[in-house]
Amino acid sequence: GPDENDIEGPSFVDVLTLKSIEGVQIAPDGSAIAYTVKSTDWDENQFDTEIWPVRDGEKPFQLTNTKDGSSSSPSWSPDSKKIAFLADRGDQNQIYLISADGGEAQKITDHEDGLGSFKWMPDGQQIVYAAVDPVGEDKKNIEERYGEFAIDDAEYQMVHLWITDVNTEETPDSTRLTSGTSFTVDSFSPSPDGKKVVFDHRPRPFATAYRDSDISIVDISAGSITPLVDQPGPDRGSVWSPDGKWIAFNTS
């Protein structure tokens, strides 16, 4: 047979050019699947991720097209008619909403520092999400004059929960659910009846604060926060039971 040294494998460029599929999400009614495709944009020297849906018996099609950026984290609405996703279109990561059949995407949030994870509320009328609190004006003014700085273990930005309507023609205003500097939010989950949100939190956004994680519940209409699990060691990964009467979680 041929010498092994004479067999050419794929080049570095060939490997980087390969497309990959990630973030597969099944529609609640089981009629379709949404996923992301990551490709290489050699002209812009970057990776581009976009969302593709596919229905049973039909061909997949590209749903999003974020110029000079990517669309990620597709999440079906409870009625399977819309898809919410994250995209940075020049103003940090924001939530956008688009019909699962295609069309123009509607911007749902407008946070200065962008945001991370989000969840649909069960009725499909609202979305709850976690966002980093903006840098204070005093610190911002100092940074503009002297450059970025930080005092170890003294200055940091907390992550908090917000909720926003989705069925509006313009970018809706968001309502803050949690605030303050006593904790930063990690994972969260709306209750089955849509009245509360359970969330894991740490006293500070440092990896070492993981061991002090606890669990609380925020009542959306009342705006009140009730501690649920407050014991030594990390308490995390809270999940509602289908009837909303129990919460399962991990602890050490």
C-alpha atoms as a PDB file:
ATOM      1  CA  GLY A   1       0.000   0.000   0.000  1.00  0.00           C
ATOM      2  CA  PRO A   2       1.010   3.673  -0.134  1.00  0.00           C
ATOM      3  CA  ASP A   3       3.508   5.025   2.331  1.00  0.00           C
ATOM      4  CA  GLU A   4       1.760   6.583   5.324  1.00  0.00           C
ATOM      5  CA  ASN A   5       3.893   9.690   4.890  1.00  0.00           C
ATOM      6  CA  ASP A   6       2.425  10.178   1.395  1.00  0.00           C
ATOM      7  CA  ILE A   7      -1.190  10.294   2.642  1.00  0.00           C
ATOM      8  CA  GLU A   8      -2.375  13.862   2.989  1.00  0.00           C
ATOM      9  CA  GLY A   9      -4.840  14.700   5.725  1.00  0.00           C
ATOM     10  CA  PRO A  10      -7.023  17.792   6.040  1.00  0.00           C
ATOM     11  CA  SER A  11      -5.164  21.067   6.360  1.00  0.00           C
ATOM     12  CA  PHE A  12      -5.497  23.498   9.243  1.00  0.00           C
ATOM     13  CA  VAL A  13      -7.664  25.702   7.009  1.00  0.00           C
ATOM     14  CA  ASP A  14      -9.840  22.721   6.062  1.00  0.00           C
ATOM     15  CA  VAL A  15     -10.504  21.915   9.709  1.00  0.00           C
ATOM     16  CA  LEU A  16     -11.375  25.524  10.596  1.00  0.00           C
ATOM     17  CA  THR A  17     -13.712  25.717   7.591  1.00  0.00           C
ATOM     18  CA  LEU A  18     -15.824  22.788   8.785  1.00  0.00           C
ATOM     19  CA  LYS A  19     -19.276  23.786   9.976  1.00  0.00           C
ATOM     20  CA  SER A  20     -20.519  22.542  13.336  1.00  0.00           C
ATOM     21  CA  ILE A  21     -24.009  22.151  14.808  1.00  0.00           C
ATOM     22  CA  GLU A  22     -24.732  23.189  18.397  1.00  0.00           C
ATOM     23  CA  GLY A  23     -27.567  24.269  20.699  1.00  0.00           C
ATOM     24  CA  VAL A  24     -30.268  21.878  19.447  1.00  0.00           C
ATOM     25  CA  GLN A  25     -33.721  22.791  20.810  1.00  0.00           C
ATOM     26  CA  ILE A  26     -36.954  20.860  20.198  1.00  0.00           C
ATOM     27  CA  ALA A  27     -40.165  22.889  19.869  1.00  0.00           C
ATOM     28  CA  PRO A  28     -42.620  22.271  22.749  1.00  0.00           C
ATOM     29  CA  ASP A  29     -45.214  20.800  20.357  1.00  0.00           C
ATOM     30  CA  GLY A  30     -42.594  18.504  18.797  1.00  0.00           C
ATOM     31  CA  SER A  31     -43.165  19.878  15.291  1.00  0.00           C
ATOM     32  CA  ALA A  32     -39.720  21.355  14.682  1.00  0.00           C
ATOM     33  CA  ILE A  33     -36.124  21.625  15.839  1.00  0.00           C
ATOM     34  CA  ALA A  34     -33.953  24.736  16.038  1.00  0.00           C
ATOM     35  CA  TYR A  35     -30.164  24.577  16.136  1.00  0.00           C
ATOM     36  CA  THR A  36     -27.159  26.794  15.545  1.00  0.00           C
ATOM     37  CA  VAL A  37     -24.599  26.393  12.789  1.00  0.00           C
ATOM     38  CA  LYS A  38     -21.112  27.775  13.363  1.00  0.00           C
ATOM     39  CA  SER A  39     -19.107  28.603  10.237  1.00  0.00           C
ATOM     40  CA  THR A  40     -15.874  30.452   9.505  1.00  0.00           C
ATOM     41  CA  ASP A  41     -15.978  33.934   8.007  1.00  0.00           C
ATOM     42  CA  TRP A  42     -12.517  34.253   6.482  1.00  0.00           C
ATOM     43  CA  ASP A  43     -13.157  37.785   5.169  1.00  0.00           C
ATOM     44  CA  GLU A  44     -13.888  39.088   8.676  1.00  0.00           C
ATOM     45  CA  ASN A  45     -11.470  36.661  10.381  1.00  0.00           C
ATOM     46  CA  GLN A  46     -14.105  35.387  12.806  1.00  0.00           C
ATOM     47  CA  PHE A  47     -16.598  32.609  13.469  1.00  0.00           C
ATOM     48  CA  ASP A  48     -20.251  33.222  12.608  1.00  0.00           C
ATOM     49  CA  THR A  49     -23.097  31.405  14.368  1.00  0.00           C
ATOM     50  CA  GLU A  50     -26.657  31.549  13.046  1.00  0.00           C
ATOM     51  CA  ILE A  51     -29.940  29.784  13.852  1.00  0.00           C
ATOM     52  CA  TRP A  52     -31.528  27.191  11.581  1.00  0.00           C
ATOM     53  CA  PRO A  53     -34.974  25.578  12.136  1.00  0.00           C
ATOM     54  CA  VAL A  54     -36.200  22.407  10.474  1.00  0.00           C
ATOM     55  CA  ARG A  55     -39.685  20.882  10.424  1.00  0.00           C
ATOM     56  CA  ASP A  56     -40.567  17.267   9.799  1.00  0.00           C
ATOM     57  CA  GLY A  57     -40.401  16.519   6.078  1.00  0.00           C
ATOM     58  CA  GLU A  58     -39.031  19.971   5.178  1.00  0.00           C
ATOM     59  CA  LYS A  59     -35.580  21.329   4.453  1.00  0.00           C
ATOM     60  CA  PRO A  60     -33.703  23.363   7.087  1.00  0.00           C
ATOM     61  CA  PHE A  61     -33.366  27.079   6.408  1.00  0.00           C
ATOM     62  CA  GLN A  62     -31.299  29.882   7.901  1.00  0.00           C
ATOM     63  CA  LEU A  63     -33.542  31.918  10.206  1.00  0.00           C
ATOM     64  CA  THR A  64     -31.145  34.630  11.436  1.00  0.00           C
ATOM     65  CA  ASN A  65     -28.461  36.720   9.775  1.00  0.00           C
ATOM     66  CA  THR A  66     -26.574  38.862  12.279  1.00  0.00           C
ATOM     67  CA  LYS A  67     -24.119  41.020  10.351  1.00  0.00           C
ATOM     68  CA  ASP A  68     -20.650  41.267  11.930  1.00  0.00           C
ATOM     69  CA  GLY A  69     -21.832  39.071  14.803  1.00  0.00           C
ATOM     70  CA  SER A  70     -23.621  35.881  15.763  1.00  0.00           C
ATOM     71  CA  SER A  71     -27.056  34.668  16.852  1.00  0.00           C
ATOM     72  CA  SER A  72     -27.114  32.085  19.617  1.00  0.00           C
ATOM     73  CA  SER A  73     -29.124  30.422  22.411  1.00  0.00           C
ATOM     74  CA  PRO A  74     -32.360  29.746  20.473  1.00  0.00           C
ATOM     75  CA  SER A  75     -35.366  29.175  22.746  1.00  0.00           C
ATOM     76  CA  TRP A  76     -38.852  28.283  21.533  1.00  0.00           C
ATOM     77  CA  SER A  77     -41.903  30.140  22.834  1.00  0.00           C
ATOM     78  CA  PRO A  78     -44.340  27.879  24.722  1.00  0.00           C
ATOM     79  CA  ASP A  79     -46.715  27.881  21.720  1.00  0.00           C
ATOM     80  CA  SER A  80     -43.877  26.898  19.329  1.00  0.00           C
ATOM     81  CA  LYS A  81     -44.572  29.882  17.049  1.00  0.00           C
ATOM     82  CA  LYS A  82     -41.612  32.112  17.916  1.00  0.00           C
ATOM     83  CA  ILE A  83     -37.940  31.795  18.790  1.00  0.00           C
ATOM     84  CA  ALA A  84     -36.097  34.065  21.203  1.00  0.00           C
ATOM     85  CA  PHE A  85     -32.316  34.295  20.838  1.00  0.00           C
ATOM     86  CA  LEU A  86     -29.252  36.290  21.837  1.00  0.00           C
ATOM     87  CA  ALA A  87     -27.389  38.502  19.366  1.00  0.00           C
ATOM     88  CA  ASP A  88     -24.859  41.318  19.505  1.00  0.00           C
ATOM     89  CA  ARG A  89     -25.822  43.773  16.777  1.00  0.00           C
ATOM     90  CA  GLY A  90     -23.504  46.517  17.918  1.00  0.00           C
ATOM     91  CA  ASP A  91     -24.919  47.011  21.409  1.00  0.00           C
ATOM     92  CA  GLN A  92     -23.778  43.974  23.417  1.00  0.00           C
ATOM     93  CA  ASN A  93     -25.765  40.743  23.720  1.00  0.00           C
ATOM     94  CA  GLN A  94     -29.510  41.452  23.689  1.00  0.00           C
ATOM     95  CA  ILE A  95     -32.617  39.265  23.399  1.00  0.00           C
ATOM     96  CA  TYR A  96     -34.351  39.217  20.017  1.00  0.00           C
ATOM     97  CA  LEU A  97     -37.633  37.591  19.002  1.00  0.00           C
ATOM     98  CA  ILE A  98     -38.451  36.184  15.571  1.00  0.00           C
ATOM     99  CA  SER A  99     -41.234  34.132  13.998  1.00  0.00           C
ATOM    100  CA  ALA A 100     -40.231  30.494  13.571  1.00  0.00           C
ATOM    101  CA  ASP A 101     -41.302  30.824   9.924  1.00  0.00           C
ATOM    102  CA  GLY A 102     -38.897  33.705   9.266  1.00  0.00           C
ATOM    103  CA  GLY A 103     -39.087  37.474   9.002  1.00  0.00           C
ATOM    104  CA  GLU A 104     -37.598  40.447  10.834  1.00  0.00           C
ATOM    105  CA  ALA A 105     -36.346  39.970  14.377  1.00  0.00           C
ATOM    106  CA  GLN A 106     -37.657  42.255  17.110  1.00  0.00           C
ATOM    107  CA  LYS A 107     -35.308  43.561  19.788  1.00  0.00           C
ATOM    108  CA  ILE A 108     -36.668  42.748  23.252  1.00  0.00           C
ATOM    109  CA  THR A 109     -33.989  44.161  25.596  1.00  0.00           C
ATOM    110  CA  ASP A 110     -31.661  47.140  25.684  1.00  0.00           C
ATOM    111  CA  HIS A 111     -29.113  46.699  28.485  1.00  0.00           C
ATOM    112  CA  GLU A 112     -25.954  48.790  28.460  1.00  0.00           C
ATOM    113  CA  ASP A 113     -23.651  45.880  29.327  1.00  0.00           C
ATOM    114  CA  GLY A 114     -25.704  43.214  27.557  1.00  0.00           C
ATOM    115  CA  LEU A 115     -27.079  40.082  29.200  1.00  0.00           C
ATOM    116  CA  GLY A 116     -26.644  36.346  29.469  1.00  0.00           C
ATOM    117  CA  SER A 117     -29.186  33.606  30.084  1.00  0.00           C
ATOM    118  CA  PHE A 118     -32.968  33.933  29.748  1.00  0.00           C
ATOM    119  CA  LYS A 119     -36.100  31.815  30.178  1.00  0.00           C
ATOM    120  CA  TRP A 120     -39.620  32.048  28.761  1.00  0.00           C
ATOM    121  CA  MET A 121     -42.420  32.467  31.269  1.00  0.00           C
ATOM    122  CA  PRO A 122     -44.981  29.619  30.963  1.00  0.00           C
ATOM    123  CA  ASP A 123     -47.681  31.831  29.396  1.00  0.00           C
ATOM    124  CA  GLY A 124     -45.346  33.013  26.610  1.00  0.00           C
ATOM    125  CA  GLN A 125     -46.131  36.659  27.342  1.00  0.00           C
ATOM    126  CA  GLN A 126     -42.897  37.470  29.175  1.00  0.00           C
ATOM    127  CA  ILE A 127     -39.235  36.508  29.380  1.00  0.00           C
ATOM    128  CA  VAL A 128     -37.126  36.545  32.554  1.00  0.00           C
ATOM    129  CA  TYR A 129     -33.391  37.050  32.152  1.00  0.00           C
ATOM    130  CA  ALA A 130     -30.144  37.645  34.027  1.00  0.00           C
ATOM    131  CA  ALA A 131     -28.055  40.766  33.342  1.00  0.00           C
ATOM    132  CA  VAL A 132     -24.938  42.314  34.834  1.00  0.00           C
ATOM    133  CA  ASP A 133     -25.609  45.566  36.652  1.00  0.00           C
ATOM    134  CA  PRO A 134     -24.099  48.568  34.827  1.00  0.00           C
ATOM    135  CA  VAL A 135     -20.854  50.150  36.018  1.00  0.00           C
ATOM    136  CA  GLY A 136     -21.548  53.084  38.354  1.00  0.00           C
ATOM    137  CA  GLU A 137     -21.144  56.599  36.962  1.00  0.00           C
ATOM    138  CA  ASP A 138     -18.371  57.461  39.450  1.00  0.00           C
ATOM    139  CA  LYS A 139     -16.259  54.481  38.414  1.00  0.00           C
ATOM    140  CA  LYS A 140     -17.023  55.121  34.742  1.00  0.00           C
ATOM    141  CA  ASN A 141     -15.815  58.735  34.987  1.00  0.00           C
ATOM    142  CA  ILE A 142     -12.591  57.663  36.711  1.00  0.00           C
ATOM    143  CA  GLU A 143     -11.965  54.961  34.075  1.00  0.00           C
ATOM    144  CA  GLU A 144     -12.377  57.506  31.281  1.00  0.00           C
ATOM    145  CA  ARG A 145      -9.668  59.638  32.870  1.00  0.00           C
ATOM    146  CA  TYR A 146      -7.233  57.053  34.274  1.00  0.00           C
ATOM    147  CA  GLY A 147      -8.109  53.813  32.478  1.00  0.00           C
ATOM    148  CA  GLU A 148      -9.734  50.664  33.817  1.00  0.00           C
ATOM    149  CA  PHE A 149      -8.972  49.611  37.372  1.00  0.00           C
ATOM    150  CA  ALA A 150     -10.295  47.396  40.146  1.00  0.00           C
ATOM    151  CA  ILE A 151      -9.765  47.027  43.867  1.00  0.00           C
ATOM    152  CA  ASP A 152      -9.294  43.346  44.654  1.00  0.00           C
ATOM    153  CA  ASP A 153     -12.288  41.772  46.421  1.00  0.00           C
ATOM    154  CA  ALA A 154     -13.926  45.194  46.759  1.00  0.00           C
ATOM    155  CA  GLU A 155     -15.361  46.207  43.395  1.00  0.00           C
ATOM    156  CA  TYR A 156     -17.353  43.913  41.157  1.00  0.00           C
ATOM    157  CA  GLN A 157     -20.541  43.848  39.127  1.00  0.00           C
ATOM    158  CA  MET A 158     -23.467  41.754  40.286  1.00  0.00           C
ATOM    159  CA  VAL A 159     -25.845  39.756  38.088  1.00  0.00           C
ATOM    160  CA  HIS A 160     -29.549  40.291  38.744  1.00  0.00           C
ATOM    161  CA  LEU A 161     -32.911  39.161  37.392  1.00  0.00           C
ATOM    162  CA  TRP A 162     -35.191  41.194  35.129  1.00  0.00           C
ATOM    163  CA  ILE A 163     -38.488  40.460  33.375  1.00  0.00           C
ATOM    164  CA  THR A 164     -39.885  41.916  30.164  1.00  0.00           C
ATOM    165  CA  ASP A 165     -43.007  41.661  28.012  1.00  0.00           C
ATOM    166  CA  VAL A 166     -42.564  40.248  24.515  1.00  0.00           C
ATOM    167  CA  ASN A 167     -45.804  40.995  22.650  1.00  0.00           C
ATOM    168  CA  THR A 168     -45.122  44.674  21.907  1.00  0.00           C
ATOM    169  CA  GLU A 169     -44.265  46.483  18.676  1.00  0.00           C
ATOM    170  CA  GLU A 170     -41.316  48.377  20.172  1.00  0.00           C
ATOM    171  CA  THR A 171     -38.515  47.389  22.530  1.00  0.00           C
ATOM    172  CA  PRO A 172     -40.388  47.058  25.853  1.00  0.00           C
ATOM    173  CA  ASP A 173     -39.233  48.337  29.210  1.00  0.00           C
ATOM    174  CA  SER A 174     -37.855  45.720  31.577  1.00  0.00           C
ATOM    175  CA  THR A 175     -38.767  45.355  35.244  1.00  0.00           C
ATOM    176  CA  ARG A 176     -36.065  44.547  37.785  1.00  0.00           C
ATOM    177  CA  LEU A 177     -36.794  41.526  40.011  1.00  0.00           C
ATOM    178  CA  THR A 178     -33.641  41.471  42.171  1.00  0.00           C
ATOM    179  CA  SER A 179     -31.084  44.108  43.125  1.00  0.00           C
ATOM    180  CA  GLY A 180     -28.353  45.083  45.559  1.00  0.00           C
ATOM    181  CA  THR A 181     -24.810  44.024  46.379  1.00  0.00           C
ATOM    182  CA  SER A 182     -25.556  41.232  48.854  1.00  0.00           C
ATOM    183  CA  PHE A 183     -25.738  38.514  46.182  1.00  0.00           C
ATOM    184  CA  THR A 184     -25.219  37.770  42.488  1.00  0.00           C
ATOM    185  CA  VAL A 185     -27.603  35.496  40.563  1.00  0.00           C
ATOM    186  CA  ASP A 186     -26.504  32.275  38.848  1.00  0.00           C
ATOM    187  CA  SER A 187     -29.109  29.852  37.460  1.00  0.00           C
ATOM    188  CA  PHE A 188     -32.855  30.494  37.710  1.00  0.00           C
ATOM    189  CA  SER A 189     -36.197  28.955  36.759  1.00  0.00           C
ATOM    190  CA  PRO A 190     -39.790  30.307  36.562  1.00  0.00           C
ATOM    191  CA  SER A 191     -42.485  28.430  38.465  1.00  0.00           C
ATOM    192  CA  PRO A 192     -45.038  26.426  36.444  1.00  0.00           C
ATOM    193  CA  ASP A 193     -47.777  28.953  37.299  1.00  0.00           C
ATOM    194  CA  GLY A 194     -45.557  31.885  36.255  1.00  0.00           C
ATOM    195  CA  LYS A 195     -45.910  33.685  39.594  1.00  0.00           C
ATOM    196  CA  LYS A 196     -42.434  33.122  41.009  1.00  0.00           C
ATOM    197  CA  VAL A 197     -38.813  32.554  40.009  1.00  0.00           C
ATOM    198  CA  VAL A 198     -36.420  30.359  41.981  1.00  0.00           C
ATOM    199  CA  PHE A 199     -32.745  31.259  41.669  1.00  0.00           C
ATOM    200  CA  ASP A 200     -29.311  30.253  42.901  1.00  0.00           C
ATOM    201  CA  HIS A 201     -27.053  33.013  44.184  1.00  0.00           C
ATOM    202  CA  ARG A 202     -23.588  33.665  45.602  1.00  0.00           C
ATOM    203  CA  PRO A 203     -22.489  36.516  47.877  1.00  0.00           C
ATOM    204  CA  ARG A 204     -19.877  37.609  45.308  1.00  0.00           C
ATOM    205  CA  PRO A 205     -19.175  36.839  41.624  1.00  0.00           C
ATOM    206  CA  PHE A 206     -15.949  34.954  42.432  1.00  0.00           C
ATOM    207  CA  ALA A 207     -15.299  31.260  41.853  1.00  0.00           C
ATOM    208  CA  THR A 208     -14.412  30.840  45.533  1.00  0.00           C
ATOM    209  CA  ALA A 209     -17.880  32.100  46.510  1.00  0.00           C
ATOM    210  CA  TYR A 210     -19.369  28.961  44.946  1.00  0.00           C
ATOM    211  CA  ARG A 211     -19.155  27.202  48.309  1.00  0.00           C
ATOM    212  CA  ASP A 212     -21.518  29.794  49.800  1.00  0.00           C
ATOM    213  CA  SER A 213     -24.271  29.400  47.180  1.00  0.00           C
ATOM    214  CA  ASP A 214     -27.861  29.442  48.410  1.00  0.00           C
ATOM    215  CA  ILE A 215     -31.356  29.372  46.902  1.00  0.00           C
ATOM    216  CA  SER A 216     -34.153  31.950  47.110  1.00  0.00           C
ATOM    217  CA  ILE A 217     -37.522  32.652  45.484  1.00  0.00           C
ATOM    218  CA  VAL A 218     -38.752  35.994  44.159  1.00  0.00           C
ATOM    219  CA  ASP A 219     -42.490  36.665  43.949  1.00  0.00           C
ATOM    220  CA  ILE A 220     -42.975  38.579  40.679  1.00  0.00           C
ATOM    221  CA  SER A 221     -46.101  40.575  41.544  1.00  0.00           C
ATOM    222  CA  ALA A 222     -45.115  41.350  45.141  1.00  0.00           C
ATOM    223  CA  GLY A 223     -41.433  41.925  44.386  1.00  0.00           C
ATOM    224  CA  SER A 224     -40.501  40.084  47.586  1.00  0.00           C
ATOM    225  CA  ILE A 225     -37.601  37.661  47.972  1.00  0.00           C
ATOM    226  CA  THR A 226     -37.848  34.656  50.302  1.00  0.00           C
ATOM    227  CA  PRO A 227     -34.801  32.516  51.239  1.00  0.00           C
ATOM    228  CA  LEU A 228     -35.502  28.851  50.501  1.00  0.00           C
ATOM    229  CA  VAL A 229     -32.235  27.003  51.189  1.00  0.00           C
ATOM    230  CA  ASP A 230     -29.660  28.659  53.449  1.00  0.00           C
ATOM    231  CA  GLN A 231     -27.238  26.143  54.862  1.00  0.00           C
ATOM    232  CA  PRO A 232     -23.453  25.529  54.871  1.00  0.00           C
ATOM    233  CA  GLY A 233     -21.962  24.408  51.574  1.00  0.00           C
ATOM    234  CA  PRO A 234     -23.098  25.061  47.994  1.00  0.00           C
ATOM    235  CA  ASP A 235     -26.822  24.751  47.272  1.00  0.00           C
ATOM    236  CA  ARG A 236     -27.535  25.019  43.549  1.00  0.00           C
ATOM    237  CA  GLY A 237     -29.350  23.672  40.473  1.00  0.00           C
ATOM    238  CA  SER A 238     -32.900  24.382  41.658  1.00  0.00           C
ATOM    239  CA  VAL A 239     -35.717  22.897  39.530  1.00  0.00           C
ATOM    240  CA  TRP A 240     -39.502  23.105  40.043  1.00  0.00           C
ATOM    241  CA  SER A 241     -41.719  20.035  40.188  1.00  0.00           C
ATOM    242  CA  PRO A 242     -44.458  20.082  37.481  1.00  0.00           C
ATOM    243  CA  ASP A 243     -47.137  20.942  40.060  1.00  0.00           C
ATOM    244  CA  GLY A 244     -45.048  23.804  41.489  1.00  0.00           C
ATOM    245  CA  LYS A 245     -45.165  22.435  45.052  1.00  0.00           C
ATOM    246  CA  TRP A 246     -41.583  21.210  45.335  1.00  0.00           C
ATOM    247  CA  ILE A 247     -38.085  22.236  44.297  1.00  0.00           C
ATOM    248  CA  ALA A 248     -35.233  19.819  43.727  1.00  0.00           C
ATOM    249  CA  PHE A 249     -31.646  21.018  44.132  1.00  0.00           C
ATOM    250  CA  ASN A 250     -28.032  19.901  44.531  1.00  0.00           C
ATOM    251  CA  THR A 251     -26.131  20.391  47.769  1.00  0.00           C
ATOM    252  CA  SER A 252     -22.808  19.485  49.328  1.00  0.00           C
END
